[in-house]
Amino acid sequence: MGLWDNFRPNEVVVSVADIDLDKLERQGIKALLIDVDNTLISHGGTPELSPERQEWVERAVARFDVYLVSNSVTGRRMRRLAEAMGVPGILVWTWDRKPFTGGVRRAMRNVGSTPETSVMIGDQVMTDILAGNRAGLYTIWVEKIAENEFIFTRAVHRTIEEFVSKRMGFWPEDTKEAASDEA
């Protein structure tokens, strides 16, 4: 496995609502570790799920151990969302911040899962996908919900993410075109 492979997600979807829970269950997945900002809710907005994501979350929580994993500075929105969903969450900051694997590994320990039985779901290749891959998890990259983001994310992470994903052939527009070509 080369350096660039650490950035490649196992799956690319438009929204968490597009993630096939039956497929994950057949793969032996037991735990879903999910990023918060721009994966489940928009960055900086209210911590409320859209009806489509709410329905998916309810189905996911009924079938899997769900754990929120956020790099948020304060974690206030993550904690309110976790409480509303009825799931635990972890604020990863400093040494265990994504793309480091400490927070991901701690979340797995807390739910009693292993890398082979866990999936990391997130909207950023440079944090969520890289951390999940480095920890040995199955990874799913979702398109970001909104354009509003932390300035560093927009200026640095998204620029690198676009370069890497286009170079490796998994940029969302490329996967949509490939799917329409196959239809």
N, C-alpha and C. Protein backbone atom coordinates (compact mmCIF):
# COMPACT_ATOMS: atom_id res chain seq x y z
N MET A 1 0.83 -1.18 0.00
CA MET A 1 0.00 0.00 0.00
C MET A 1 0.88 1.24 0.00
N GLY A 2 0.65 2.11 -0.97
CA GLY A 2 1.44 3.32 -1.08
C GLY A 2 0.88 4.45 -0.24
N LEU A 3 1.66 5.51 -0.12
CA LEU A 3 1.27 6.68 0.66
C LEU A 3 -0.08 7.23 0.21
N TRP A 4 -0.29 7.35 -1.09
CA TRP A 4 -1.53 7.94 -1.60
C TRP A 4 -2.74 7.08 -1.26
N ASP A 5 -2.55 5.77 -1.09
CA ASP A 5 -3.68 4.90 -0.78
C ASP A 5 -4.32 5.23 0.56
N ASN A 6 -3.57 5.87 1.45
CA ASN A 6 -4.14 6.28 2.74
C ASN A 6 -5.25 7.30 2.59
N PHE A 7 -5.30 7.97 1.42
CA PHE A 7 -6.30 9.00 1.18
C PHE A 7 -7.52 8.45 0.43
N ARG A 8 -7.46 7.23 -0.04
CA ARG A 8 -8.54 6.67 -0.85
C ARG A 8 -9.62 6.03 0.03
N PRO A 9 -10.87 6.54 -0.07
CA PRO A 9 -11.95 5.90 0.68
C PRO A 9 -12.36 4.59 0.01
N ASN A 10 -12.95 3.71 0.78
CA ASN A 10 -13.48 2.48 0.20
C ASN A 10 -14.75 2.75 -0.61
N GLU A 11 -15.49 3.78 -0.21
CA GLU A 11 -16.73 4.15 -0.90
C GLU A 11 -16.86 5.66 -0.94
N VAL A 12 -17.55 6.16 -1.97
CA VAL A 12 -17.89 7.58 -2.09
C VAL A 12 -19.39 7.66 -2.31
N VAL A 13 -20.09 8.43 -1.47
CA VAL A 13 -21.54 8.62 -1.60
C VAL A 13 -21.87 10.10 -1.49
N VAL A 14 -23.05 10.46 -1.93
CA VAL A 14 -23.48 11.85 -1.87
C VAL A 14 -23.85 12.24 -0.44
N SER A 15 -24.55 11.38 0.27
CA SER A 15 -25.05 11.68 1.62
C SER A 15 -24.99 10.42 2.47
N VAL A 16 -24.97 10.60 3.79
CA VAL A 16 -25.03 9.43 4.65
C VAL A 16 -26.28 8.62 4.36
N ALA A 17 -27.33 9.28 3.92
CA ALA A 17 -28.58 8.58 3.62
C ALA A 17 -28.42 7.60 2.46
N ASP A 18 -27.35 7.74 1.69
CA ASP A 18 -27.07 6.83 0.57
C ASP A 18 -26.23 5.63 0.97
N ILE A 19 -25.79 5.56 2.21
CA ILE A 19 -24.97 4.45 2.67
C ILE A 19 -25.86 3.23 2.87
N ASP A 20 -25.48 2.14 2.26
CA ASP A 20 -26.26 0.89 2.29
C ASP A 20 -25.97 0.14 3.59
N LEU A 21 -26.87 0.24 4.54
CA LEU A 21 -26.68 -0.41 5.84
C LEU A 21 -26.71 -1.93 5.73
N ASP A 22 -27.51 -2.46 4.81
CA ASP A 22 -27.53 -3.92 4.60
C ASP A 22 -26.17 -4.42 4.16
N LYS A 23 -25.55 -3.69 3.24
CA LYS A 23 -24.22 -4.07 2.74
C LYS A 23 -23.20 -4.06 3.87
N LEU A 24 -23.23 -3.01 4.71
CA LEU A 24 -22.28 -2.95 5.82
C LEU A 24 -22.48 -4.11 6.78
N GLU A 25 -23.73 -4.46 7.04
CA GLU A 25 -24.02 -5.59 7.93
C GLU A 25 -23.49 -6.89 7.33
N ARG A 26 -23.67 -7.07 6.03
CA ARG A 26 -23.15 -8.28 5.35
C ARG A 26 -21.62 -8.33 5.41
N GLN A 27 -20.97 -7.18 5.47
CA GLN A 27 -19.51 -7.11 5.56
C GLN A 27 -19.01 -7.38 6.98
N GLY A 28 -19.92 -7.54 7.92
CA GLY A 28 -19.52 -7.81 9.30
C GLY A 28 -19.28 -6.55 10.11
N ILE A 29 -19.71 -5.40 9.60
CA ILE A 29 -19.54 -4.15 10.34
C ILE A 29 -20.47 -4.13 11.54
N LYS A 30 -19.93 -3.72 12.67
CA LYS A 30 -20.70 -3.63 13.92
C LYS A 30 -20.80 -2.19 14.42
N ALA A 31 -19.81 -1.34 14.06
CA ALA A 31 -19.76 0.03 14.59
C ALA A 31 -19.59 1.05 13.48
N LEU A 32 -20.37 2.12 13.57
CA LEU A 32 -20.26 3.24 12.64
C LEU A 32 -19.70 4.43 13.41
N LEU A 33 -18.50 4.86 13.05
CA LEU A 33 -17.90 6.05 13.64
C LEU A 33 -18.16 7.17 12.63
N ILE A 34 -18.87 8.20 13.05
CA ILE A 34 -19.35 9.20 12.11
C ILE A 34 -18.89 10.59 12.52
N ASP A 35 -18.31 11.30 11.56
CA ASP A 35 -17.96 12.71 11.72
C ASP A 35 -19.26 13.50 11.85
N VAL A 36 -19.19 14.70 12.39
CA VAL A 36 -20.39 15.51 12.61
C VAL A 36 -20.53 16.62 11.58
N ASP A 37 -19.64 17.63 11.63
CA ASP A 37 -19.78 18.81 10.78
C ASP A 37 -19.62 18.49 9.30
N ASN A 38 -20.64 18.86 8.55
CA ASN A 38 -20.73 18.69 7.10
C ASN A 38 -20.82 17.23 6.67
N THR A 39 -21.00 16.33 7.64
CA THR A 39 -21.30 14.93 7.35
C THR A 39 -22.74 14.65 7.74
N LEU A 40 -23.09 14.96 9.00
CA LEU A 40 -24.46 14.78 9.49
C LEU A 40 -25.24 16.10 9.51
N ILE A 41 -24.57 17.17 9.92
CA ILE A 41 -25.20 18.49 9.98
C ILE A 41 -24.25 19.50 9.35
N SER A 42 -24.79 20.64 8.91
CA SER A 42 -23.92 21.64 8.30
C SER A 42 -23.04 22.29 9.36
N HIS A 43 -21.86 22.70 8.94
CA HIS A 43 -20.91 23.35 9.84
C HIS A 43 -21.48 24.69 10.29
N GLY A 44 -21.48 24.93 11.58
CA GLY A 44 -21.91 26.21 12.11
C GLY A 44 -23.42 26.39 12.21
N GLY A 45 -24.17 25.47 11.66
CA GLY A 45 -25.63 25.58 11.74
C GLY A 45 -26.18 24.96 12.99
N THR A 46 -27.48 24.83 13.04
CA THR A 46 -28.11 24.19 14.20
C THR A 46 -27.84 22.70 14.15
N PRO A 47 -27.70 22.08 15.31
CA PRO A 47 -27.42 20.64 15.34
C PRO A 47 -28.68 19.80 15.12
N GLU A 48 -29.34 20.03 13.99
CA GLU A 48 -30.54 19.27 13.66
C GLU A 48 -30.33 18.56 12.34
N LEU A 49 -30.74 17.31 12.32
CA LEU A 49 -30.60 16.51 11.10
C LEU A 49 -31.73 16.81 10.13
N SER A 50 -31.42 16.72 8.83
CA SER A 50 -32.47 16.82 7.83
C SER A 50 -33.35 15.58 7.98
N PRO A 51 -34.60 15.63 7.50
CA PRO A 51 -35.47 14.45 7.62
C PRO A 51 -34.85 13.19 7.00
N GLU A 52 -34.19 13.33 5.87
CA GLU A 52 -33.56 12.18 5.19
C GLU A 52 -32.44 11.59 6.04
N ARG A 53 -31.58 12.45 6.60
CA ARG A 53 -30.49 11.96 7.44
C ARG A 53 -31.03 11.43 8.77
N GLN A 54 -32.07 12.05 9.30
CA GLN A 54 -32.70 11.59 10.55
C GLN A 54 -33.21 10.17 10.39
N GLU A 55 -33.88 9.88 9.29
CA GLU A 55 -34.42 8.54 9.03
C GLU A 55 -33.28 7.53 8.92
N TRP A 56 -32.20 7.89 8.23
CA TRP A 56 -31.05 6.99 8.08
C TRP A 56 -30.41 6.73 9.45
N VAL A 57 -30.24 7.80 10.24
CA VAL A 57 -29.64 7.67 11.57
C VAL A 57 -30.46 6.73 12.44
N GLU A 58 -31.77 6.86 12.41
CA GLU A 58 -32.63 5.98 13.22
C GLU A 58 -32.44 4.52 12.83
N ARG A 59 -32.36 4.26 11.52
CA ARG A 59 -32.12 2.88 11.07
C ARG A 59 -30.74 2.41 11.48
N ALA A 60 -29.74 3.29 11.37
CA ALA A 60 -28.36 2.93 11.72
C ALA A 60 -28.23 2.62 13.21
N VAL A 61 -28.81 3.47 14.05
CA VAL A 61 -28.73 3.30 15.50
C VAL A 61 -29.41 2.01 15.94
N ALA A 62 -30.46 1.61 15.22
CA ALA A 62 -31.17 0.38 15.57
C ALA A 62 -30.35 -0.87 15.23
N ARG A 63 -29.39 -0.75 14.32
CA ARG A 63 -28.65 -1.93 13.83
C ARG A 63 -27.18 -1.96 14.22
N PHE A 64 -26.57 -0.82 14.52
CA PHE A 64 -25.13 -0.73 14.75
C PHE A 64 -24.85 0.06 16.02
N ASP A 65 -23.61 -0.09 16.52
CA ASP A 65 -23.12 0.82 17.54
C ASP A 65 -22.69 2.07 16.80
N VAL A 66 -23.30 3.20 17.09
CA VAL A 66 -22.98 4.46 16.42
C VAL A 66 -22.26 5.36 17.40
N TYR A 67 -21.18 5.96 16.94
CA TYR A 67 -20.36 6.82 17.79
C TYR A 67 -19.96 8.04 16.98
N LEU A 68 -20.23 9.23 17.49
CA LEU A 68 -19.84 10.46 16.80
C LEU A 68 -18.40 10.78 17.15
N VAL A 69 -17.63 11.17 16.13
CA VAL A 69 -16.22 11.50 16.31
C VAL A 69 -15.99 12.86 15.67
N SER A 70 -15.73 13.88 16.49
CA SER A 70 -15.65 15.25 15.98
C SER A 70 -14.33 15.92 16.34
N ASN A 71 -13.82 16.72 15.40
CA ASN A 71 -12.64 17.56 15.64
C ASN A 71 -13.04 18.96 16.09
N SER A 72 -14.28 19.17 16.41
CA SER A 72 -14.80 20.49 16.78
C SER A 72 -14.01 21.06 17.96
N VAL A 73 -13.86 22.37 17.94
CA VAL A 73 -13.09 23.03 19.00
C VAL A 73 -13.81 22.93 20.34
N THR A 74 -15.12 23.19 20.38
CA THR A 74 -15.83 23.18 21.66
C THR A 74 -16.61 21.89 21.87
N GLY A 75 -17.14 21.32 20.84
CA GLY A 75 -17.89 20.09 20.97
C GLY A 75 -19.33 20.27 21.42
N ARG A 76 -19.75 21.51 21.64
CA ARG A 76 -21.10 21.78 22.14
C ARG A 76 -22.16 21.24 21.17
N ARG A 77 -22.01 21.53 19.89
CA ARG A 77 -22.97 21.06 18.89
C ARG A 77 -22.92 19.53 18.77
N MET A 78 -21.73 18.97 18.84
CA MET A 78 -21.59 17.51 18.76
C MET A 78 -22.29 16.85 19.94
N ARG A 79 -22.12 17.39 21.14
CA ARG A 79 -22.75 16.81 22.31
C ARG A 79 -24.27 16.91 22.23
N ARG A 80 -24.80 18.03 21.74
CA ARG A 80 -26.26 18.18 21.60
C ARG A 80 -26.80 17.20 20.56
N LEU A 81 -26.07 17.02 19.45
CA LEU A 81 -26.50 16.07 18.43
C LEU A 81 -26.45 14.64 18.97
N ALA A 82 -25.37 14.30 19.64
CA ALA A 82 -25.24 12.95 20.22
C ALA A 82 -26.37 12.67 21.19
N GLU A 83 -26.69 13.64 22.00
CA GLU A 83 -27.79 13.47 22.96
C GLU A 83 -29.12 13.28 22.23
N ALA A 84 -29.36 14.08 21.20
CA ALA A 84 -30.61 13.97 20.43
C ALA A 84 -30.71 12.62 19.72
N MET A 85 -29.56 12.09 19.27
CA MET A 85 -29.54 10.81 18.58
C MET A 85 -29.54 9.63 19.55
N GLY A 86 -29.21 9.89 20.80
CA GLY A 86 -29.12 8.82 21.79
C GLY A 86 -27.89 7.96 21.62
N VAL A 87 -26.79 8.60 21.18
CA VAL A 87 -25.54 7.87 20.96
C VAL A 87 -24.40 8.60 21.67
N PRO A 88 -23.30 7.90 21.94
CA PRO A 88 -22.14 8.57 22.53
C PRO A 88 -21.36 9.34 21.46
N GLY A 89 -20.55 10.26 21.93
CA GLY A 89 -19.68 11.00 21.03
C GLY A 89 -18.37 11.30 21.70
N ILE A 90 -17.39 11.61 20.89
CA ILE A 90 -16.07 11.90 21.41
C ILE A 90 -15.54 13.14 20.70
N LEU A 91 -15.00 14.05 21.48
CA LEU A 91 -14.38 15.24 20.95
C LEU A 91 -12.89 14.95 20.85
N VAL A 92 -12.36 14.93 19.64
CA VAL A 92 -10.94 14.62 19.47
C VAL A 92 -10.19 15.92 19.19
N TRP A 93 -9.30 16.24 20.08
CA TRP A 93 -8.57 17.49 19.98
C TRP A 93 -7.14 17.23 20.41
N THR A 94 -6.22 18.01 20.03
CA THR A 94 -4.79 17.90 20.29
C THR A 94 -4.21 16.62 19.72
N TRP A 95 -3.60 15.79 20.53
CA TRP A 95 -2.84 14.63 20.04
C TRP A 95 -3.69 13.58 19.34
N ASP A 96 -4.97 13.48 19.65
CA ASP A 96 -5.78 12.43 19.04
C ASP A 96 -6.70 12.96 17.94
N ARG A 97 -6.49 14.19 17.54
CA ARG A 97 -7.28 14.84 16.50
C ARG A 97 -7.09 14.11 15.17
N LYS A 98 -8.19 13.95 14.43
CA LYS A 98 -8.08 13.35 13.10
C LYS A 98 -7.22 14.27 12.23
N PRO A 99 -6.25 13.84 11.48
CA PRO A 99 -6.05 12.51 10.95
C PRO A 99 -5.25 11.56 11.83
N PHE A 100 -4.86 11.98 13.03
CA PHE A 100 -4.23 11.04 13.94
C PHE A 100 -5.27 10.00 14.35
N THR A 101 -4.84 8.85 14.74
CA THR A 101 -5.78 7.75 14.96
C THR A 101 -6.25 7.59 16.40
N GLY A 102 -5.71 8.40 17.32
CA GLY A 102 -6.05 8.24 18.74
C GLY A 102 -7.54 8.32 19.03
N GLY A 103 -8.22 9.31 18.50
CA GLY A 103 -9.64 9.47 18.74
C GLY A 103 -10.46 8.35 18.14
N VAL A 104 -10.07 7.90 16.94
CA VAL A 104 -10.77 6.80 16.28
C VAL A 104 -10.59 5.52 17.08
N ARG A 105 -9.39 5.26 17.52
CA ARG A 105 -9.12 4.05 18.32
C ARG A 105 -9.84 4.10 19.67
N ARG A 106 -9.90 5.29 20.27
CA ARG A 106 -10.60 5.43 21.54
C ARG A 106 -12.10 5.18 21.36
N ALA A 107 -12.67 5.69 20.26
CA ALA A 107 -14.09 5.44 19.97
C ALA A 107 -14.35 3.94 19.80
N MET A 108 -13.44 3.24 19.08
CA MET A 108 -13.62 1.79 18.91
C MET A 108 -13.55 1.07 20.26
N ARG A 109 -12.61 1.46 21.11
CA ARG A 109 -12.51 0.85 22.45
C ARG A 109 -13.80 1.08 23.23
N ASN A 110 -14.33 2.28 23.13
CA ASN A 110 -15.53 2.62 23.89
C ASN A 110 -16.76 1.82 23.46
N VAL A 111 -16.83 1.43 22.19
CA VAL A 111 -17.98 0.62 21.74
C VAL A 111 -17.63 -0.85 21.65
N GLY A 112 -16.38 -1.20 21.90
CA GLY A 112 -15.97 -2.61 21.88
C GLY A 112 -15.85 -3.19 20.48
N SER A 113 -15.45 -2.37 19.53
CA SER A 113 -15.29 -2.87 18.17
C SER A 113 -13.82 -2.93 17.79
N THR A 114 -13.55 -3.47 16.63
CA THR A 114 -12.19 -3.59 16.10
C THR A 114 -12.14 -2.88 14.75
N PRO A 115 -10.95 -2.66 14.20
CA PRO A 115 -10.88 -2.06 12.87
C PRO A 115 -11.64 -2.87 11.82
N GLU A 116 -11.62 -4.18 11.93
CA GLU A 116 -12.29 -5.05 10.96
C GLU A 116 -13.81 -4.96 11.04
N THR A 117 -14.32 -4.52 12.18
CA THR A 117 -15.79 -4.45 12.35
C THR A 117 -16.29 -3.02 12.45
N SER A 118 -15.45 -2.05 12.06
CA SER A 118 -15.81 -0.64 12.17
C SER A 118 -15.67 0.07 10.83
N VAL A 119 -16.46 1.13 10.68
CA VAL A 119 -16.37 1.97 9.50
C VAL A 119 -16.27 3.42 9.97
N MET A 120 -15.46 4.21 9.26
CA MET A 120 -15.35 5.65 9.52
C MET A 120 -16.06 6.36 8.39
N ILE A 121 -17.01 7.24 8.72
CA ILE A 121 -17.79 7.97 7.74
C ILE A 121 -17.53 9.46 7.94
N GLY A 122 -17.14 10.15 6.87
CA GLY A 122 -16.90 11.59 7.00
C GLY A 122 -16.81 12.30 5.68
N ASP A 123 -16.78 13.62 5.75
CA ASP A 123 -16.78 14.46 4.55
C ASP A 123 -15.39 14.96 4.16
N GLN A 124 -14.36 14.68 4.95
CA GLN A 124 -13.03 15.18 4.63
C GLN A 124 -12.03 14.06 4.45
N VAL A 125 -11.39 14.07 3.30
CA VAL A 125 -10.34 13.09 3.01
C VAL A 125 -9.15 13.32 3.94
N MET A 126 -8.81 14.58 4.17
CA MET A 126 -7.60 14.91 4.93
C MET A 126 -7.72 14.63 6.43
N THR A 127 -8.91 14.40 6.92
CA THR A 127 -9.06 14.11 8.35
C THR A 127 -9.77 12.78 8.55
N ASP A 128 -11.04 12.71 8.18
CA ASP A 128 -11.86 11.53 8.44
C ASP A 128 -11.36 10.28 7.73
N ILE A 129 -11.17 10.38 6.43
CA ILE A 129 -10.76 9.21 5.64
C ILE A 129 -9.34 8.80 5.98
N LEU A 130 -8.45 9.78 6.07
CA LEU A 130 -7.06 9.47 6.41
C LEU A 130 -6.97 8.80 7.79
N ALA A 131 -7.68 9.32 8.79
CA ALA A 131 -7.65 8.71 10.13
C ALA A 131 -8.21 7.30 10.09
N GLY A 132 -9.35 7.13 9.41
CA GLY A 132 -9.97 5.80 9.32
C GLY A 132 -9.06 4.80 8.63
N ASN A 133 -8.47 5.19 7.51
CA ASN A 133 -7.57 4.29 6.79
C ASN A 133 -6.33 3.96 7.61
N ARG A 134 -5.75 4.96 8.25
CA ARG A 134 -4.55 4.72 9.06
C ARG A 134 -4.85 3.80 10.23
N ALA A 135 -6.10 3.82 10.73
CA ALA A 135 -6.48 2.94 11.84
C ALA A 135 -6.97 1.58 11.34
N GLY A 136 -7.03 1.38 10.01
CA GLY A 136 -7.40 0.08 9.44
C GLY A 136 -8.89 -0.14 9.27
N LEU A 137 -9.70 0.93 9.29
CA LEU A 137 -11.14 0.82 9.16
C LEU A 137 -11.57 0.87 7.69
N TYR A 138 -12.77 0.40 7.43
CA TYR A 138 -13.44 0.61 6.15
C TYR A 138 -13.87 2.07 6.18
N THR A 139 -13.68 2.81 5.07
CA THR A 139 -13.97 4.25 5.07
C THR A 139 -14.98 4.62 3.99
N ILE A 140 -15.86 5.55 4.35
CA ILE A 140 -16.86 6.06 3.42
C ILE A 140 -16.80 7.59 3.43
N TRP A 141 -16.54 8.14 2.25
CA TRP A 141 -16.46 9.59 2.08
C TRP A 141 -17.79 10.10 1.56
N VAL A 142 -18.40 11.03 2.28
CA VAL A 142 -19.65 11.65 1.83
C VAL A 142 -19.36 13.07 1.37
N GLU A 143 -20.14 13.53 0.41
CA GLU A 143 -19.99 14.92 -0.03
C GLU A 143 -20.38 15.84 1.11
N LYS A 144 -19.67 16.94 1.22
CA LYS A 144 -19.99 17.90 2.28
C LYS A 144 -21.40 18.44 2.08
N ILE A 145 -22.06 18.74 3.19
CA ILE A 145 -23.44 19.21 3.17
C ILE A 145 -23.52 20.65 2.69
N ALA A 146 -22.62 21.51 3.15
CA ALA A 146 -22.70 22.93 2.84
C ALA A 146 -21.32 23.51 2.55
N GLU A 147 -21.31 24.68 1.94
CA GLU A 147 -20.06 25.37 1.64
C GLU A 147 -19.46 26.04 2.87
N ASN A 148 -20.27 26.38 3.85
CA ASN A 148 -19.81 27.05 5.06
C ASN A 148 -18.90 26.10 5.85
N GLU A 149 -17.65 26.53 6.03
CA GLU A 149 -16.68 25.69 6.75
C GLU A 149 -15.69 26.55 7.49
N PHE A 150 -14.98 25.94 8.40
CA PHE A 150 -13.86 26.57 9.07
C PHE A 150 -12.88 27.03 7.98
N ILE A 151 -12.33 28.21 8.09
CA ILE A 151 -11.48 28.80 7.05
C ILE A 151 -10.30 27.91 6.67
N PHE A 152 -9.65 27.28 7.65
CA PHE A 152 -8.51 26.41 7.36
C PHE A 152 -8.95 25.20 6.54
N THR A 153 -10.11 24.66 6.87
CA THR A 153 -10.64 23.51 6.13
C THR A 153 -10.83 23.89 4.67
N ARG A 154 -11.48 25.02 4.44
CA ARG A 154 -11.76 25.45 3.07
C ARG A 154 -10.48 25.79 2.30
N ALA A 155 -9.58 26.52 2.93
CA ALA A 155 -8.38 27.00 2.24
C ALA A 155 -7.32 25.92 2.03
N VAL A 156 -7.18 25.03 2.97
CA VAL A 156 -6.09 24.04 2.90
C VAL A 156 -6.61 22.63 2.60
N HIS A 157 -7.42 22.10 3.50
CA HIS A 157 -7.87 20.70 3.35
C HIS A 157 -8.60 20.47 2.04
N ARG A 158 -9.56 21.34 1.71
CA ARG A 158 -10.36 21.11 0.50
C ARG A 158 -9.53 21.24 -0.77
N THR A 159 -8.53 22.11 -0.78
CA THR A 159 -7.65 22.25 -1.95
C THR A 159 -6.84 20.97 -2.15
N ILE A 160 -6.25 20.47 -1.09
CA ILE A 160 -5.47 19.23 -1.17
C ILE A 160 -6.38 18.06 -1.50
N GLU A 161 -7.55 18.02 -0.87
CA GLU A 161 -8.52 16.95 -1.10
C GLU A 161 -8.93 16.86 -2.57
N GLU A 162 -9.21 18.01 -3.19
CA GLU A 162 -9.60 18.01 -4.60
C GLU A 162 -8.46 17.49 -5.47
N PHE A 163 -7.24 17.96 -5.20
CA PHE A 163 -6.08 17.51 -5.98
C PHE A 163 -5.90 15.99 -5.86
N VAL A 164 -5.89 15.50 -4.63
CA VAL A 164 -5.65 14.07 -4.38
C VAL A 164 -6.76 13.22 -4.98
N SER A 165 -8.01 13.59 -4.73
CA SER A 165 -9.13 12.76 -5.19
C SER A 165 -9.27 12.77 -6.70
N LYS A 166 -8.99 13.88 -7.35
CA LYS A 166 -9.04 13.91 -8.82
C LYS A 166 -7.90 13.06 -9.39
N ARG A 167 -6.75 13.18 -8.79
CA ARG A 167 -5.58 12.41 -9.26
C ARG A 167 -5.81 10.91 -9.12
N MET A 168 -6.51 10.52 -8.03
CA MET A 168 -6.74 9.11 -7.78
C MET A 168 -8.06 8.60 -8.38
N GLY A 169 -8.85 9.50 -8.96
CA GLY A 169 -10.07 9.09 -9.65
C GLY A 169 -11.28 8.83 -8.78
N PHE A 170 -11.34 9.45 -7.59
CA PHE A 170 -12.53 9.27 -6.77
C PHE A 170 -13.19 10.60 -6.40
N TRP A 171 -12.92 11.66 -7.16
CA TRP A 171 -13.60 12.94 -6.96
C TRP A 171 -15.08 12.72 -7.24
N PRO A 172 -15.98 13.23 -6.40
CA PRO A 172 -17.41 12.93 -6.55
C PRO A 172 -17.96 13.11 -7.97
N GLU A 173 -17.57 14.15 -8.67
CA GLU A 173 -18.07 14.34 -10.02
C GLU A 173 -17.62 13.19 -10.94
N ASP A 174 -16.40 12.69 -10.71
CA ASP A 174 -15.90 11.57 -11.53
C ASP A 174 -16.69 10.31 -11.27
N THR A 175 -17.05 10.05 -10.00
CA THR A 175 -17.79 8.83 -9.69
C THR A 175 -19.22 8.92 -10.21
N LYS A 176 -19.81 10.13 -10.20
CA LYS A 176 -21.16 10.30 -10.76
C LYS A 176 -21.16 10.05 -12.27
N GLU A 177 -20.13 10.59 -12.96
CA GLU A 177 -20.03 10.39 -14.41
C GLU A 177 -19.84 8.92 -14.73
N ALA A 178 -19.01 8.22 -13.96
CA ALA A 178 -18.78 6.79 -14.20
C ALA A 178 -20.06 6.00 -14.00
N ALA A 179 -20.83 6.37 -12.97
CA ALA A 179 -22.09 5.67 -12.72
C ALA A 179 -23.09 5.90 -13.84
N SER A 180 -23.14 7.13 -14.36
CA SER A 180 -24.08 7.41 -15.45
C SER A 180 -23.63 6.76 -16.75
N ASP A 181 -22.34 6.60 -16.95
CA ASP A 181 -21.83 5.89 -18.14
C ASP A 181 -22.20 4.43 -18.11
N GLU A 182 -22.25 3.83 -16.88
CA GLU A 182 -22.58 2.41 -16.75
C GLU A 182 -24.07 2.16 -16.93
N ALA A 183 -24.90 3.16 -16.70
CA ALA A 183 -26.37 2.99 -16.80
C ALA A 183 -26.85 2.84 -18.21
